[in-house]
PDB file of N, CA and C in Angstrom:
ATOM      1  N   MET A   1      84.277 131.736 113.756  1.00  0.00           N
ATOM      2  CA  MET A   1      84.867 130.452 113.436  1.00  0.00           C
ATOM      3  C   MET A   1      85.900 130.084 114.499  1.00  0.00           C
ATOM      4  N   ALA A   2      86.192 128.817 114.571  1.00  0.00           N
ATOM      5  CA  ALA A   2      87.123 128.310 115.576  1.00  0.00           C
ATOM      6  C   ALA A   2      88.553 128.317 115.035  1.00  0.00           C
ATOM      7  N   LEU A   3      89.503 128.286 115.948  1.00  0.00           N
ATOM      8  CA  LEU A   3      90.923 128.289 115.606  1.00  0.00           C
ATOM      9  C   LEU A   3      91.529 126.938 115.972  1.00  0.00           C
ATOM     10  N   TYR A   4      92.348 126.390 115.067  1.00  0.00           N
ATOM     11  CA  TYR A   4      92.919 125.057 115.256  1.00  0.00           C
ATOM     12  C   TYR A   4      94.389 125.052 114.889  1.00  0.00           C
ATOM     13  N   GLU A   5      95.153 124.193 115.571  1.00  0.00           N
ATOM     14  CA  GLU A   5      96.503 123.823 115.155  1.00  0.00           C
ATOM     15  C   GLU A   5      96.427 122.371 114.705  1.00  0.00           C
ATOM     16  N   HIS A   6      96.949 122.107 113.520  1.00  0.00           N
ATOM     17  CA  HIS A   6      96.845 120.772 112.920  1.00  0.00           C
ATOM     18  C   HIS A   6      98.255 120.315 112.533  1.00  0.00           C
ATOM     19  N   VAL A   7      98.713 119.222 113.114  1.00  0.00           N
ATOM     20  CA  VAL A   7     100.025 118.657 112.814  1.00  0.00           C
ATOM     21  C   VAL A   7      99.807 117.298 112.170  1.00  0.00           C
ATOM     22  N   LEU A   8     100.552 117.033 111.100  1.00  0.00           N
ATOM     23  CA  LEU A   8     100.458 115.714 110.481  1.00  0.00           C
ATOM     24  C   LEU A   8     101.838 115.175 110.189  1.00  0.00           C
ATOM     25  N   ILE A   9     101.923 113.853 110.141  1.00  0.00           N
ATOM     26  CA  ILE A   9     103.167 113.146 109.849  1.00  0.00           C
ATOM     27  C   ILE A   9     102.938 112.344 108.577  1.00  0.00           C
ATOM     28  N   ALA A  10     103.744 112.636 107.564  1.00  0.00           N
ATOM     29  CA  ALA A  10     103.652 111.924 106.289  1.00  0.00           C
ATOM     30  C   ALA A  10     104.725 110.834 106.235  1.00  0.00           C
ATOM     31  N   ARG A  11     104.519 109.874 105.363  1.00  0.00           N
ATOM     32  CA  ARG A  11     105.460 108.757 105.204  1.00  0.00           C
ATOM     33  C   ARG A  11     106.856 109.278 104.866  1.00  0.00           C
ATOM     34  N   PRO A  12     107.899 108.584 105.323  1.00  0.00           N
ATOM     35  CA  PRO A  12     109.262 109.049 105.053  1.00  0.00           C
ATOM     36  C   PRO A  12     109.753 108.751 103.637  1.00  0.00           C
ATOM     37  N   ASP A  13     109.098 107.836 102.928  1.00  0.00           N
ATOM     38  CA  ASP A  13     109.590 107.462 101.608  1.00  0.00           C
ATOM     39  C   ASP A  13     109.095 108.380 100.496  1.00  0.00           C
ATOM     40  N   ILE A  14     108.330 109.420 100.812  1.00  0.00           N
ATOM     41  CA  ILE A  14     107.980 110.404  99.797  1.00  0.00           C
ATOM     42  C   ILE A  14     108.960 111.567  99.912  1.00  0.00           C
ATOM     43  N   SER A  15     109.143 112.296  98.825  1.00  0.00           N
ATOM     44  CA  SER A  15     110.132 113.369  98.802  1.00  0.00           C
ATOM     45  C   SER A  15     109.582 114.631  99.471  1.00  0.00           C
ATOM     46  N   PRO A  16     110.463 115.531  99.905  1.00  0.00           N
ATOM     47  CA  PRO A  16     109.999 116.801 100.463  1.00  0.00           C
ATOM     48  C   PRO A  16     109.154 117.611  99.475  1.00  0.00           C
ATOM     49  N   ALA A  17     109.447 117.487  98.178  1.00  0.00           N
ATOM     50  CA  ALA A  17     108.642 118.185  97.168  1.00  0.00           C
ATOM     51  C   ALA A  17     107.214 117.638  97.144  1.00  0.00           C
ATOM     52  N   GLN A  18     107.066 116.330  97.317  1.00  0.00           N
ATOM     53  CA  GLN A  18     105.730 115.741  97.369  1.00  0.00           C
ATOM     54  C   GLN A  18     104.989 116.178  98.623  1.00  0.00           C
ATOM     55  N   VAL A  19     105.713 116.346  99.721  1.00  0.00           N
ATOM     56  CA  VAL A  19     105.083 116.827 100.953  1.00  0.00           C
ATOM     57  C   VAL A  19     104.607 118.262 100.765  1.00  0.00           C
ATOM     58  N   GLU A  20     105.420 119.094 100.106  1.00  0.00           N
ATOM     59  CA  GLU A  20     105.011 120.474  99.818  1.00  0.00           C
ATOM     60  C   GLU A  20     103.757 120.475  98.932  1.00  0.00           C
ATOM     61  N   GLY A  21     103.700 119.578  97.956  1.00  0.00           N
ATOM     62  CA  GLY A  21     102.512 119.461  97.113  1.00  0.00           C
ATOM     63  C   GLY A  21     101.297 119.028  97.906  1.00  0.00           C
ATOM     64  N   LEU A  22     101.498 118.102  98.842  1.00  0.00           N
ATOM     65  CA  LEU A  22     100.417 117.661  99.721  1.00  0.00           C
ATOM     66  C   LEU A  22      99.917 118.819 100.574  1.00  0.00           C
ATOM     67  N   MET A  23     100.832 119.643 101.060  1.00  0.00           N
ATOM     68  CA  MET A  23     100.449 120.803 101.859  1.00  0.00           C
ATOM     69  C   MET A  23      99.622 121.797 101.032  1.00  0.00           C
ATOM     70  N   GLU A  24     100.005 121.996  99.774  1.00  0.00           N
ATOM     71  CA  GLU A  24      99.243 122.888  98.890  1.00  0.00           C
ATOM     72  C   GLU A  24      97.842 122.339  98.632  1.00  0.00           C
ATOM     73  N   GLU A  25      97.751 121.023  98.416  1.00  0.00           N
ATOM     74  CA  GLU A  25      96.446 120.390  98.205  1.00  0.00           C
ATOM     75  C   GLU A  25      95.544 120.582  99.423  1.00  0.00           C
ATOM     76  N   LEU A  26      96.117 120.397 100.614  1.00  0.00           N
ATOM     77  CA  LEU A  26      95.330 120.561 101.833  1.00  0.00           C
ATOM     78  C   LEU A  26      94.892 122.010 102.017  1.00  0.00           C
ATOM     79  N   SER A  27      95.761 122.955 101.671  1.00  0.00           N
ATOM     80  CA  SER A  27      95.403 124.375 101.789  1.00  0.00           C
ATOM     81  C   SER A  27      94.256 124.729 100.848  1.00  0.00           C
ATOM     82  N   THR A  28      94.321 124.265  99.613  1.00  0.00           N
ATOM     83  CA  THR A  28      93.228 124.556  98.668  1.00  0.00           C
ATOM     84  C   THR A  28      91.946 123.843  99.089  1.00  0.00           C
ATOM     85  N   PHE A  29      92.068 122.632  99.619  1.00  0.00           N
ATOM     86  CA  PHE A  29      90.900 121.910 100.104  1.00  0.00           C
ATOM     87  C   PHE A  29      90.219 122.685 101.232  1.00  0.00           C
ATOM     88  N   LEU A  30      91.018 123.190 102.175  1.00  0.00           N
ATOM     89  CA  LEU A  30      90.455 123.958 103.286  1.00  0.00           C
ATOM     90  C   LEU A  30      89.824 125.261 102.807  1.00  0.00           C
ATOM     91  N   ASP A  31      90.424 125.900 101.801  1.00  0.00           N
ATOM     92  CA  ASP A  31      89.827 127.122 101.235  1.00  0.00           C
ATOM     93  C   ASP A  31      88.453 126.828 100.640  1.00  0.00           C
ATOM     94  N   LYS A  32      88.333 125.697  99.961  1.00  0.00           N
ATOM     95  CA  LYS A  32      87.039 125.319  99.381  1.00  0.00           C
ATOM     96  C   LYS A  32      86.003 125.017 100.457  1.00  0.00           C
ATOM     97  N   GLN A  33      86.462 124.548 101.618  1.00  0.00           N
ATOM     98  CA  GLN A  33      85.562 124.224 102.723  1.00  0.00           C
ATOM     99  C   GLN A  33      85.195 125.455 103.551  1.00  0.00           C
ATOM    100  N   GLY A  34      85.753 126.608 103.215  1.00  0.00           N
ATOM    101  CA  GLY A  34      85.435 127.837 103.943  1.00  0.00           C
ATOM    102  C   GLY A  34      86.364 128.126 105.097  1.00  0.00           C
ATOM    103  N   ALA A  35      87.486 127.442 105.172  1.00  0.00           N
ATOM    104  CA  ALA A  35      88.468 127.673 106.232  1.00  0.00           C
ATOM    105  C   ALA A  35      89.651 128.446 105.663  1.00  0.00           C
ATOM    106  N   LYS A  36      90.352 129.148 106.527  1.00  0.00           N
ATOM    107  CA  LYS A  36      91.514 129.930 106.117  1.00  0.00           C
ATOM    108  C   LYS A  36      92.750 129.370 106.809  1.00  0.00           C
ATOM    109  N   VAL A  37      93.805 129.104 106.035  1.00  0.00           N
ATOM    110  CA  VAL A  37      95.063 128.629 106.597  1.00  0.00           C
ATOM    111  C   VAL A  37      95.903 129.858 106.914  1.00  0.00           C
ATOM    112  N   ALA A  38      96.081 130.129 108.206  1.00  0.00           N
ATOM    113  CA  ALA A  38      96.827 131.315 108.630  1.00  0.00           C
ATOM    114  C   ALA A  38      98.332 131.107 108.466  1.00  0.00           C
ATOM    115  N   LYS A  39      98.800 129.897 108.740  1.00  0.00           N
ATOM    116  CA  LYS A  39     100.233 129.611 108.660  1.00  0.00           C
ATOM    117  C   LYS A  39     100.416 128.133 108.379  1.00  0.00           C
ATOM    118  N   SER A  40     101.388 127.817 107.548  1.00  0.00           N
ATOM    119  CA  SER A  40     101.761 126.421 107.339  1.00  0.00           C
ATOM    120  C   SER A  40     103.279 126.324 107.379  1.00  0.00           C
ATOM    121  N   GLU A  41     103.777 125.298 108.057  1.00  0.00           N
ATOM    122  CA  GLU A  41     105.218 125.100 108.193  1.00  0.00           C
ATOM    123  C   GLU A  41     105.561 123.648 107.889  1.00  0.00           C
ATOM    124  N   TYR A  42     106.687 123.480 107.216  1.00  0.00           N
ATOM    125  CA  TYR A  42     107.229 122.144 106.977  1.00  0.00           C
ATOM    126  C   TYR A  42     108.421 121.984 107.910  1.00  0.00           C
ATOM    127  N   TRP A  43     108.332 121.046 108.861  1.00  0.00           N
ATOM    128  CA  TRP A  43     109.376 120.871 109.866  1.00  0.00           C
ATOM    129  C   TRP A  43     110.473 119.925 109.415  1.00  0.00           C
ATOM    130  N   GLY A  44     110.263 119.219 108.330  1.00  0.00           N
ATOM    131  CA  GLY A  44     111.297 118.344 107.800  1.00  0.00           C
ATOM    132  C   GLY A  44     111.104 116.885 108.187  1.00  0.00           C
ATOM    133  N   LEU A  45     112.072 116.095 107.771  1.00  0.00           N
ATOM    134  CA  LEU A  45     112.089 114.662 108.063  1.00  0.00           C
ATOM    135  C   LEU A  45     112.706 114.482 109.447  1.00  0.00           C
ATOM    136  N   ARG A  46     111.926 113.953 110.380  1.00  0.00           N
ATOM    137  CA  ARG A  46     112.352 113.843 111.770  1.00  0.00           C
ATOM    138  C   ARG A  46     112.160 112.415 112.265  1.00  0.00           C
ATOM    139  N   ASN A  47     112.910 112.061 113.297  1.00  0.00           N
ATOM    140  CA  ASN A  47     112.757 110.739 113.927  1.00  0.00           C
ATOM    141  C   ASN A  47     111.447 110.697 114.706  1.00  0.00           C
ATOM    142  N   LEU A  48     110.799 109.534 114.683  1.00  0.00           N
ATOM    143  CA  LEU A  48     109.588 109.312 115.461  1.00  0.00           C
ATOM    144  C   LEU A  48     109.962 108.812 116.855  1.00  0.00           C
ATOM    145  N   SER A  49     109.107 109.035 117.815  1.00  0.00           N
ATOM    146  CA  SER A  49     109.351 108.549 119.170  1.00  0.00           C
ATOM    147  C   SER A  49     109.256 107.031 119.236  1.00  0.00           C
ATOM    148  N   TYR A  50     108.399 106.462 118.413  1.00  0.00           N
ATOM    149  CA  TYR A  50     108.225 105.018 118.356  1.00  0.00           C
ATOM    150  C   TYR A  50     107.889 104.654 116.914  1.00  0.00           C
ATOM    151  N   PRO A  51     108.184 103.432 116.483  1.00  0.00           N
ATOM    152  CA  PRO A  51     107.908 103.044 115.097  1.00  0.00           C
ATOM    153  C   PRO A  51     106.404 103.039 114.802  1.00  0.00           C
ATOM    154  N   ILE A  52     106.048 103.536 113.638  1.00  0.00           N
ATOM    155  CA  ILE A  52     104.675 103.503 113.146  1.00  0.00           C
ATOM    156  C   ILE A  52     104.717 102.766 111.809  1.00  0.00           C
ATOM    157  N   ASN A  53     104.014 101.660 111.721  1.00  0.00           N
ATOM    158  CA  ASN A  53     104.007 100.827 110.503  1.00  0.00           C
ATOM    159  C   ASN A  53     105.427 100.501 110.046  1.00  0.00           C
ATOM    160  N   LYS A  54     106.280 100.158 110.997  1.00  0.00           N
ATOM    161  CA  LYS A  54     107.679  99.789 110.760  1.00  0.00           C
ATOM    162  C   LYS A  54     108.521 100.943 110.220  1.00  0.00           C
ATOM    163  N   GLN A  55     108.050 102.164 110.347  1.00  0.00           N
ATOM    164  CA  GLN A  55     108.798 103.352 109.920  1.00  0.00           C
ATOM    165  C   GLN A  55     109.353 104.050 111.152  1.00  0.00           C
ATOM    166  N   ARG A  56     110.564 104.565 111.055  1.00  0.00           N
ATOM    167  CA  ARG A  56     111.194 105.247 112.184  1.00  0.00           C
ATOM    168  C   ARG A  56     111.318 106.753 111.970  1.00  0.00           C
ATOM    169  N   LYS A  57     110.958 107.242 110.790  1.00  0.00           N
ATOM    170  CA  LYS A  57     111.023 108.678 110.489  1.00  0.00           C
ATOM    171  C   LYS A  57     109.725 109.111 109.827  1.00  0.00           C
ATOM    172  N   GLY A  58     109.525 110.427 109.771  1.00  0.00           N
ATOM    173  CA  GLY A  58     108.342 110.960 109.112  1.00  0.00           C
ATOM    174  C   GLY A  58     108.519 112.437 108.807  1.00  0.00           C
ATOM    175  N   HIS A  59     107.791 112.916 107.801  1.00  0.00           N
ATOM    176  CA  HIS A  59     107.782 114.335 107.434  1.00  0.00           C
ATOM    177  C   HIS A  59     106.713 115.031 108.279  1.00  0.00           C
ATOM    178  N   TYR A  60     107.125 115.999 109.080  1.00  0.00           N
ATOM    179  CA  TYR A  60     106.212 116.728 109.955  1.00  0.00           C
ATOM    180  C   TYR A  60     105.798 118.047 109.317  1.00  0.00           C
ATOM    181  N   THR A  61     104.508 118.384 109.425  1.00  0.00           N
ATOM    182  CA  THR A  61     104.003 119.678 108.961  1.00  0.00           C
ATOM    183  C   THR A  61     103.021 120.234 109.986  1.00  0.00           C
ATOM    184  N   LEU A  62     102.896 121.557 110.004  1.00  0.00           N
ATOM    185  CA  LEU A  62     101.993 122.248 110.916  1.00  0.00           C
ATOM    186  C   LEU A  62     101.112 123.197 110.123  1.00  0.00           C
ATOM    187  N   PHE A  63      99.826 123.227 110.446  1.00  0.00           N
ATOM    188  CA  PHE A  63      98.875 124.185 109.865  1.00  0.00           C
ATOM    189  C   PHE A  63      98.177 124.925 111.000  1.00  0.00           C
ATOM    190  N   ASN A  64      98.074 126.228 110.896  1.00  0.00           N
ATOM    191  CA  ASN A  64      97.196 127.024 111.756  1.00  0.00           C
ATOM    192  C   ASN A  64      95.962 127.331 110.936  1.00  0.00           C
ATOM    193  N   ILE A  65      94.796 126.911 111.400  1.00  0.00           N
ATOM    194  CA  ILE A  65      93.562 126.966 110.615  1.00  0.00           C
ATOM    195  C   ILE A  65      92.513 127.779 111.356  1.00  0.00           C
ATOM    196  N   ASP A  66      91.846 128.653 110.628  1.00  0.00           N
ATOM    197  CA  ASP A  66      90.702 129.405 111.125  1.00  0.00           C
ATOM    198  C   ASP A  66      89.515 128.982 110.271  1.00  0.00           C
ATOM    199  N   GLY A  67      88.631 128.173 110.841  1.00  0.00           N
ATOM    200  CA  GLY A  67      87.532 127.677 110.034  1.00  0.00           C
ATOM    201  C   GLY A  67      86.485 126.942 110.844  1.00  0.00           C
ATOM    202  N   PRO A  68      85.432 126.499 110.155  1.00  0.00           N
ATOM    203  CA  PRO A  68      84.346 125.784 110.844  1.00  0.00           C
ATOM    204  C   PRO A  68      84.756 124.349 111.188  1.00  0.00           C
ATOM    205  N   ALA A  69      84.083 123.785 112.160  1.00  0.00           N
ATOM    206  CA  ALA A  69      84.374 122.419 112.599  1.00  0.00           C
ATOM    207  C   ALA A  69      84.114 121.402 111.490  1.00  0.00           C
ATOM    208  N   GLU A  70      83.137 121.671 110.631  1.00  0.00           N
ATOM    209  CA  GLU A  70      82.834 120.733 109.539  1.00  0.00           C
ATOM    210  C   GLU A  70      84.028 120.582 108.601  1.00  0.00           C
ATOM    211  N   ALA A  71      84.768 121.663 108.361  1.00  0.00           N
ATOM    212  CA  ALA A  71      85.947 121.598 107.498  1.00  0.00           C
ATOM    213  C   ALA A  71      87.022 120.725 108.135  1.00  0.00           C
ATOM    214  N   ILE A  72      87.178 120.828 109.446  1.00  0.00           N
ATOM    215  CA  ILE A  72      88.177 120.019 110.144  1.00  0.00           C
ATOM    216  C   ILE A  72      87.778 118.545 110.130  1.00  0.00           C
ATOM    217  N   HIS A  73      86.502 118.261 110.324  1.00  0.00           N
ATOM    218  CA  HIS A  73      86.038 116.875 110.279  1.00  0.00           C
ATOM    219  C   HIS A  73      86.276 116.265 108.903  1.00  0.00           C
ATOM    220  N   GLU A  74      86.016 117.026 107.857  1.00  0.00           N
ATOM    221  CA  GLU A  74      86.242 116.532 106.501  1.00  0.00           C
ATOM    222  C   GLU A  74      87.731 116.363 106.222  1.00  0.00           C
ATOM    223  N   LEU A  75      88.560 117.272 106.727  1.00  0.00           N
ATOM    224  CA  LEU A  75      90.012 117.161 106.568  1.00  0.00           C
ATOM    225  C   LEU A  75      90.518 115.883 107.240  1.00  0.00           C
ATOM    226  N   GLU A  76      90.069 115.615 108.443  1.00  0.00           N
ATOM    227  CA  GLU A  76      90.491 114.402 109.141  1.00  0.00           C
ATOM    228  C   GLU A  76      89.986 113.138 108.448  1.00  0.00           C
ATOM    229  N   ARG A  77      88.809 113.201 107.849  1.00  0.00           N
ATOM    230  CA  ARG A  77      88.304 112.064 107.081  1.00  0.00           C
ATOM    231  C   ARG A  77      89.212 111.798 105.881  1.00  0.00           C
ATOM    232  N   GLN A  78      89.645 112.868 105.209  1.00  0.00           N
ATOM    233  CA  GLN A  78      90.564 112.723 104.075  1.00  0.00           C
ATOM    234  C   GLN A  78      91.901 112.121 104.523  1.00  0.00           C
ATOM    235  N   HIS A  79      92.365 112.492 105.721  1.00  0.00           N
ATOM    236  CA  HIS A  79      93.620 111.948 106.246  1.00  0.00           C
ATOM    237  C   HIS A  79      93.501 110.453 106.511  1.00  0.00           C
ATOM    238  N   ARG A  80      92.353 110.017 107.025  1.00  0.00           N
ATOM    239  CA  ARG A  80      92.167 108.589 107.293  1.00  0.00           C
ATOM    240  C   ARG A  80      92.190 107.774 106.003  1.00  0.00           C
ATOM    241  N   ILE A  81      91.755 108.363 104.902  1.00  0.00           N
ATOM    242  CA  ILE A  81      91.727 107.670 103.613  1.00  0.00           C
ATOM    243  C   ILE A  81      93.110 107.630 102.973  1.00  0.00           C
ATOM    244  N   SER A  82      93.898 108.683 103.162  1.00  0.00           N
ATOM    245  CA  SER A  82      95.182 108.840 102.482  1.00  0.00           C
ATOM    246  C   SER A  82      96.212 107.821 102.964  1.00  0.00           C
ATOM    247  N   ASP A  83      96.973 107.276 102.031  1.00  0.00           N
ATOM    248  CA  ASP A  83      98.054 106.352 102.369  1.00  0.00           C
ATOM    249  C   ASP A  83      99.332 107.104 102.737  1.00  0.00           C
ATOM    250  N   ASP A  84      99.459 108.367 102.325  1.00  0.00           N
ATOM    251  CA  ASP A  84     100.675 109.132 102.570  1.00  0.00           C
ATOM    252  C   ASP A  84     100.764 109.674 103.990  1.00  0.00           C
ATOM    253  N   ILE A  85      99.658 109.751 104.705  1.00  0.00           N
ATOM    254  CA  ILE A  85      99.647 110.347 106.034  1.00  0.00           C
ATOM    255  C   ILE A  85      99.595 109.239 107.076  1.00  0.00           C
ATOM    256  N   MET A  86     100.608 109.224 107.951  1.00  0.00           N
ATOM    257  CA  MET A  86     100.683 108.183 108.978  1.00  0.00           C
ATOM    258  C   MET A  86      99.902 108.570 110.232  1.00  0.00           C
ATOM    259  N   ARG A  87     100.050 109.800 110.695  1.00  0.00           N
ATOM    260  CA  ARG A  87      99.363 110.287 111.888  1.00  0.00           C
ATOM    261  C   ARG A  87      99.005 111.757 111.701  1.00  0.00           C
ATOM    262  N   TYR A  88      97.995 112.191 112.457  1.00  0.00           N
ATOM    263  CA  TYR A  88      97.608 113.602 112.470  1.00  0.00           C
ATOM    264  C   TYR A  88      96.994 113.921 113.820  1.00  0.00           C
ATOM    265  N   MET A  89      97.026 115.194 114.180  1.00  0.00           N
ATOM    266  CA  MET A  89      96.401 115.631 115.415  1.00  0.00           C
ATOM    267  C   MET A  89      95.936 117.071 115.235  1.00  0.00           C
ATOM    268  N   THR A  90      94.696 117.332 115.623  1.00  0.00           N
ATOM    269  CA  THR A  90      94.121 118.666 115.551  1.00  0.00           C
ATOM    270  C   THR A  90      93.750 119.101 116.963  1.00  0.00           C
ATOM    271  N   ILE A  91      94.167 120.318 117.304  1.00  0.00           N
ATOM    272  CA  ILE A  91      93.892 120.862 118.629  1.00  0.00           C
ATOM    273  C   ILE A  91      93.207 122.211 118.455  1.00  0.00           C
ATOM    274  N   LYS A  92      92.108 122.406 119.183  1.00  0.00           N
ATOM    275  CA  LYS A  92      91.422 123.689 119.181  1.00  0.00           C
ATOM    276  C   LYS A  92      92.163 124.617 120.144  1.00  0.00           C
ATOM    277  N   VAL A  93      92.476 125.844 119.678  1.00  0.00           N
ATOM    278  CA  VAL A  93      93.230 126.799 120.486  1.00  0.00           C
ATOM    279  C   VAL A  93      92.442 128.095 120.638  1.00  0.00           C
ATOM    280  N   GLU A  94      92.827 128.882 121.618  1.00  0.00           N
ATOM    281  CA  GLU A  94      92.169 130.163 121.865  1.00  0.00           C
ATOM    282  C   GLU A  94      92.598 131.227 120.856  1.00  0.00           C
ATOM    283  N   GLU A  95      93.893 131.233 120.501  1.00  0.00           N
ATOM    284  CA  GLU A  95      94.398 132.182 119.521  1.00  0.00           C
ATOM    285  C   GLU A  95      95.532 131.536 118.735  1.00  0.00           C
ATOM    286  N   LEU A  96      95.715 132.005 117.501  1.00  0.00           N
ATOM    287  CA  LEU A  96      96.770 131.477 116.657  1.00  0.00           C
ATOM    288  C   LEU A  96      98.030 132.301 116.849  1.00  0.00           C
ATOM    289  N   ASP A  97      99.160 131.625 116.929  1.00  0.00           N
ATOM    290  CA  ASP A  97     100.444 132.281 117.087  1.00  0.00           C
ATOM    291  C   ASP A  97     101.009 132.578 115.704  1.00  0.00           C
ATOM    292  N   GLU A  98     101.256 133.843 115.406  1.00  0.00           N
ATOM    293  CA  GLU A  98     101.785 134.240 114.099  1.00  0.00           C
ATOM    294  C   GLU A  98     103.296 134.073 114.012  1.00  0.00           C
ATOM    295  N   ASN A  99     103.972 133.948 115.148  1.00  0.00           N
ATOM    296  CA  ASN A  99     105.426 133.764 115.160  1.00  0.00           C
ATOM    297  C   ASN A  99     105.766 132.354 114.691  1.00  0.00           C
ATOM    298  N   PRO A 100     107.003 132.155 114.235  1.00  0.00           N
ATOM    299  CA  PRO A 100     107.410 130.793 113.885  1.00  0.00           C
ATOM    300  C   PRO A 100     107.313 129.872 115.098  1.00  0.00           C
ATOM    301  N   SER A 101     106.973 128.635 114.853  1.00  0.00           N
ATOM    302  CA  SER A 101     106.839 127.667 115.930  1.00  0.00           C
ATOM    303  C   SER A 101     108.204 127.394 116.563  1.00  0.00           C
ATOM    304  N   PRO A 102     108.232 126.851 117.759  1.00  0.00           N
ATOM    305  CA  PRO A 102     109.518 126.519 118.387  1.00  0.00           C
ATOM    306  C   PRO A 102     110.357 125.564 117.543  1.00  0.00           C
ATOM    307  N   MET A 103     109.718 124.698 116.780  1.00  0.00           N
ATOM    308  CA  MET A 103     110.464 123.779 115.913  1.00  0.00           C
ATOM    309  C   MET A 103     111.228 124.541 114.838  1.00  0.00           C
ATOM    310  N   MET A 104     110.619 125.573 114.289  1.00  0.00           N
ATOM    311  CA  MET A 104     111.269 126.365 113.244  1.00  0.00           C
ATOM    312  C   MET A 104     112.363 127.249 113.835  1.00  0.00           C
ATOM    313  N   SER A 105     112.146 127.820 115.001  1.00  0.00           N
ATOM    314  CA  SER A 105     113.169 128.675 115.605  1.00  0.00           C
ATOM    315  C   SER A 105     114.382 127.846 116.012  1.00  0.00           C
ATOM    316  N   ARG A 106     114.147 126.614 116.445  1.00  0.00           N
ATOM    317  CA  ARG A 106     115.245 125.717 116.781  1.00  0.00           C
ATOM    318  C   ARG A 106     116.047 125.359 115.542  1.00  0.00           C
ATOM    319  N   LYS A 107     115.349 125.152 114.435  1.00  0.00           N
ATOM    320  CA  LYS A 107     116.002 124.819 113.179  1.00  0.00           C
ATOM    321  C   LYS A 107     116.838 125.996 112.693  1.00  0.00           C
ATOM    322  N   ASN A 108     116.305 127.225 112.809  1.00  0.00           N
ATOM    323  CA  ASN A 108     117.032 128.414 112.384  1.00  0.00           C
ATOM    324  C   ASN A 108     118.261 128.650 113.248  1.00  0.00           C
ATOM    325  N   ARG A 109     118.193 128.321 114.530  1.00  0.00           N
ATOM    326  CA  ARG A 109     119.316 128.500 115.437  1.00  0.00           C
ATOM    327  C   ARG A 109     120.467 127.600 115.019  1.00  0.00           C
ATOM    328  N   ARG A 110     120.171 126.396 114.534  1.00  0.00           N
ATOM    329  CA  ARG A 110     121.216 125.478 114.082  1.00  0.00           C
ATOM    330  C   ARG A 110     121.898 125.979 112.823  1.00  0.00           C
ATOM    331  N   ASP A 111     121.168 126.708 111.959  1.00  0.00           N
ATOM    332  CA  ASP A 111     121.739 127.186 110.712  1.00  0.00           C
ATOM    333  C   ASP A 111     122.754 128.303 110.927  1.00  0.00           C
ATOM    334  N   ASP A 112     122.682 128.991 112.065  1.00  0.00           N
ATOM    335  CA  ASP A 112     123.581 130.127 112.316  1.00  0.00           C
ATOM    336  C   ASP A 112     124.997 129.730 112.580  1.00  0.00           C
TER     337      ASP A 112
END
């Protein structure tokens, strides 16, 4: 199976708890499609580089996925239908990084 990194931006007017619920729904959906979610991270509410649909912020999440291409195509189709997801991007990678992403390590550095 192929390895993917999947980042999505959810609308800013939903709560972080709703974003966590959305992440759980996506994980169970991918499990049903035969894909395995190796890692999922919630990066928080962050500023966008440019306005999207008159919004200046968004909830960022990251998924590391090990699964077939058909599961990714179906996941992206679900994202296009959803009103809660503003943008998404899936990248095929050679290997999945098990360490926290640079976004998470930067966030942890601020907490110290």
